[in-house]
């Protein structure tokens, strides 16, 4: 079983609570809008990180994180990209790829809206962890924690980090 911490839209913000949750995971995944690379370097000191770049990310982040990150982990086909959409409302680029080869788990960020939904059409789980940073219109900072065990997502939990604009 592999424990994952999934976050997005930190916009350069990092605090001790995020790092504490990262320390409990086996891997940390960042679904884009990282901001300055220093923030994710803090996590990389303690855990392996898989990431994609987002629309606010500059050249330095884009050199280290791809637009799409597709990989297999413990029997689960995972695809992570920043701007992806959700069931019934995928971005056109994403929709074309899904028609050819949908993953078992599709992850995106961008909207700052926490959403986990099973897509019946493509037979895949979709996740958006919301936003862990302080910038944006979200009211509560969120991340997701889950495990992957023999190709299945298990023990999914929402982590609330408190109101945007205030640390707890």
Protein backbone atom coordinates (compact mmCIF):
# COMPACT_ATOMS: atom_id res chain seq x y z
CA UNK A 1 0.00 0.00 0.00
CA UNK A 2 1.34 3.42 -1.03
CA UNK A 3 0.13 6.51 0.85
CA UNK A 4 -0.36 9.65 -1.27
CA UNK A 5 -0.82 13.30 -0.36
CA UNK A 6 -2.42 15.20 -3.25
CA UNK A 7 -2.39 19.00 -3.44
CA UNK A 8 -2.80 21.73 -6.00
CA UNK A 9 -2.76 25.48 -6.38
CA UNK A 10 -0.33 26.36 -3.61
CA UNK A 11 0.78 29.45 -5.57
CA UNK A 12 4.09 29.47 -3.71
CA UNK A 13 2.57 29.07 -0.25
CA UNK A 14 3.92 26.39 2.08
CA UNK A 15 3.39 26.00 5.81
CA UNK A 16 4.20 23.54 8.58
CA UNK A 17 0.78 21.85 8.38
CA UNK A 18 1.31 20.93 4.73
CA UNK A 19 4.80 19.64 5.54
CA UNK A 20 3.47 17.60 8.48
CA UNK A 21 0.95 15.87 6.21
CA UNK A 22 3.65 15.37 3.56
CA UNK A 23 5.85 13.63 6.13
CA UNK A 24 3.10 11.05 6.72
CA UNK A 25 2.81 10.15 3.00
CA UNK A 26 5.00 7.91 0.87
CA UNK A 27 4.69 10.31 -2.09
CA UNK A 28 3.39 13.84 -2.58
CA UNK A 29 1.61 14.79 -5.80
CA UNK A 30 1.13 18.40 -6.88
CA UNK A 31 -1.44 19.09 -9.62
CA UNK A 32 -0.02 22.45 -10.73
CA UNK A 33 0.10 26.15 -9.95
CA UNK A 34 3.11 25.49 -7.78
CA UNK A 35 4.40 29.07 -7.83
CA UNK A 36 8.05 29.69 -7.01
CA UNK A 37 9.95 26.40 -7.03
CA UNK A 38 11.28 26.94 -3.48
CA UNK A 39 7.95 25.88 -2.00
CA UNK A 40 8.02 22.42 -3.55
CA UNK A 41 11.72 22.05 -2.77
CA UNK A 42 10.76 22.00 0.91
CA UNK A 43 8.59 18.94 0.29
CA UNK A 44 11.25 17.28 -1.89
CA UNK A 45 13.63 17.36 1.08
CA UNK A 46 11.37 14.94 2.94
CA UNK A 47 9.40 12.97 0.31
CA UNK A 48 9.38 12.12 -3.41
CA UNK A 49 7.22 14.54 -5.41
CA UNK A 50 5.36 14.03 -8.68
CA UNK A 51 4.08 17.26 -10.20
CA UNK A 52 2.74 19.01 -13.28
CA UNK A 53 2.99 22.69 -14.11
CA UNK A 54 0.00 24.99 -14.00
CA UNK A 55 -0.99 28.13 -15.84
CA UNK A 56 0.71 30.46 -13.33
CA UNK A 57 3.98 28.53 -13.29
CA UNK A 58 7.03 30.07 -14.89
CA UNK A 59 9.92 28.66 -16.87
CA UNK A 60 11.79 27.24 -13.87
CA UNK A 61 8.82 25.10 -12.79
CA UNK A 62 8.01 24.11 -16.38
CA UNK A 63 11.56 22.82 -16.80
CA UNK A 64 11.09 20.46 -13.87
CA UNK A 65 7.40 19.51 -14.13
CA UNK A 66 5.61 18.43 -17.34
CA UNK A 67 2.18 19.48 -18.64
CA UNK A 68 1.02 15.87 -18.21
CA UNK A 69 2.36 13.24 -15.85
CA UNK A 70 1.13 9.75 -16.69
CA UNK A 71 2.47 6.80 -14.77
CA UNK A 72 1.54 3.47 -13.23
CA UNK A 73 1.78 2.98 -9.48
CA UNK A 74 1.02 -0.31 -7.76
CA UNK A 75 -1.13 -1.43 -10.70
CA UNK A 76 -3.06 1.84 -11.12
CA UNK A 77 -2.80 3.93 -14.32
CA UNK A 78 -2.66 7.58 -13.18
CA UNK A 79 -2.85 10.73 -15.31
CA UNK A 80 -2.26 14.14 -13.74
CA UNK A 81 -2.57 17.50 -15.51
CA UNK A 82 -3.43 20.96 -14.22
CA UNK A 83 -6.34 22.09 -16.40
CA UNK A 84 -8.52 19.06 -16.98
CA UNK A 85 -12.15 19.57 -16.06
CA UNK A 86 -14.45 16.94 -14.64
CA UNK A 87 -16.98 14.34 -15.86
CA UNK A 88 -19.15 15.80 -18.59
CA UNK A 89 -17.02 18.96 -18.78
CA UNK A 90 -13.47 17.97 -19.71
CA UNK A 91 -11.15 20.35 -21.52
CA UNK A 92 -11.09 19.51 -25.28
CA UNK A 93 -7.44 18.36 -25.18
CA UNK A 94 -8.16 16.07 -22.25
CA UNK A 95 -11.34 14.72 -23.79
CA UNK A 96 -9.45 13.60 -26.92
CA UNK A 97 -6.91 11.69 -24.84
CA UNK A 98 -9.63 10.11 -22.71
CA UNK A 99 -11.35 8.80 -25.84
CA UNK A 100 -8.20 6.86 -26.74
CA UNK A 101 -6.94 5.66 -23.36
CA UNK A 102 -8.61 6.69 -20.11
CA UNK A 103 -6.59 6.11 -16.93
CA UNK A 104 -7.90 4.48 -13.78
CA UNK A 105 -7.32 7.75 -11.89
CA UNK A 106 -7.50 11.22 -13.45
CA UNK A 107 -6.20 14.16 -11.41
CA UNK A 108 -6.35 17.88 -12.10
CA UNK A 109 -6.29 21.16 -10.23
CA UNK A 110 -6.94 24.71 -11.47
CA UNK A 111 -10.54 25.25 -10.32
CA UNK A 112 -9.70 25.54 -6.58
CA UNK A 113 -12.83 23.38 -6.08
CA UNK A 114 -12.42 20.10 -4.21
CA UNK A 115 -14.15 17.37 -6.18
CA UNK A 116 -13.90 13.58 -6.26
CA UNK A 117 -16.19 11.83 -8.70
CA UNK A 118 -16.39 8.53 -10.55
CA UNK A 119 -16.81 8.97 -14.30
CA UNK A 120 -19.14 6.22 -15.54
CA UNK A 121 -18.43 6.96 -19.21
CA UNK A 122 -14.67 6.46 -18.95
CA UNK A 123 -14.77 4.11 -15.94
CA UNK A 124 -12.25 6.18 -13.97
CA UNK A 125 -12.03 8.05 -10.70
CA UNK A 126 -11.45 11.80 -11.02
CA UNK A 127 -9.92 13.96 -8.29
CA UNK A 128 -9.33 17.65 -7.79
CA UNK A 129 -7.84 18.39 -4.35
CA UNK A 130 -9.03 22.01 -4.30
CA UNK A 131 -6.40 24.57 -3.34
CA UNK A 132 -3.82 24.39 -0.54
CA UNK A 133 -2.56 27.93 -1.02
CA UNK A 134 -3.72 31.33 0.17
CA UNK A 135 -4.47 32.91 -3.23
CA UNK A 136 -7.79 32.45 -5.03
CA UNK A 137 -11.49 32.48 -4.36
CA UNK A 138 -11.71 29.24 -2.33
CA UNK A 139 -12.86 29.67 1.24
CA UNK A 140 -11.13 26.64 2.80
CA UNK A 141 -7.67 25.33 1.92
CA UNK A 142 -7.85 21.61 1.11
CA UNK A 143 -5.78 18.59 0.10
CA UNK A 144 -6.57 14.89 -0.35
CA UNK A 145 -4.97 11.87 1.28
CA UNK A 146 -5.46 8.34 -0.01
CA UNK A 147 -3.72 5.03 -0.54
CA UNK A 148 -3.15 2.96 -3.63
CA UNK A 149 -3.26 -0.77 -3.04
CA UNK A 150 -3.03 -3.27 -5.89
CA UNK A 151 -4.60 -0.93 -8.43
CA UNK A 152 -7.31 0.47 -6.17
CA UNK A 153 -7.75 3.80 -4.40
CA UNK A 154 -8.48 3.28 -0.71
CA UNK A 155 -8.83 5.28 2.49
CA UNK A 156 -9.64 8.58 0.77
CA UNK A 157 -9.79 11.54 3.16
CA UNK A 158 -10.18 15.29 2.80
CA UNK A 159 -7.68 17.42 4.69
CA UNK A 160 -8.91 20.89 5.62
CA UNK A 161 -6.12 23.33 6.36
CA UNK A 162 -8.33 26.16 7.53
CA UNK A 163 -9.71 29.32 5.94
CA UNK A 164 -7.90 30.91 3.02
CA UNK A 165 -5.98 33.92 4.20
CA UNK A 166 -5.45 32.65 7.76
CA UNK A 167 -3.19 30.05 9.25
CA UNK A 168 -4.44 27.95 12.14
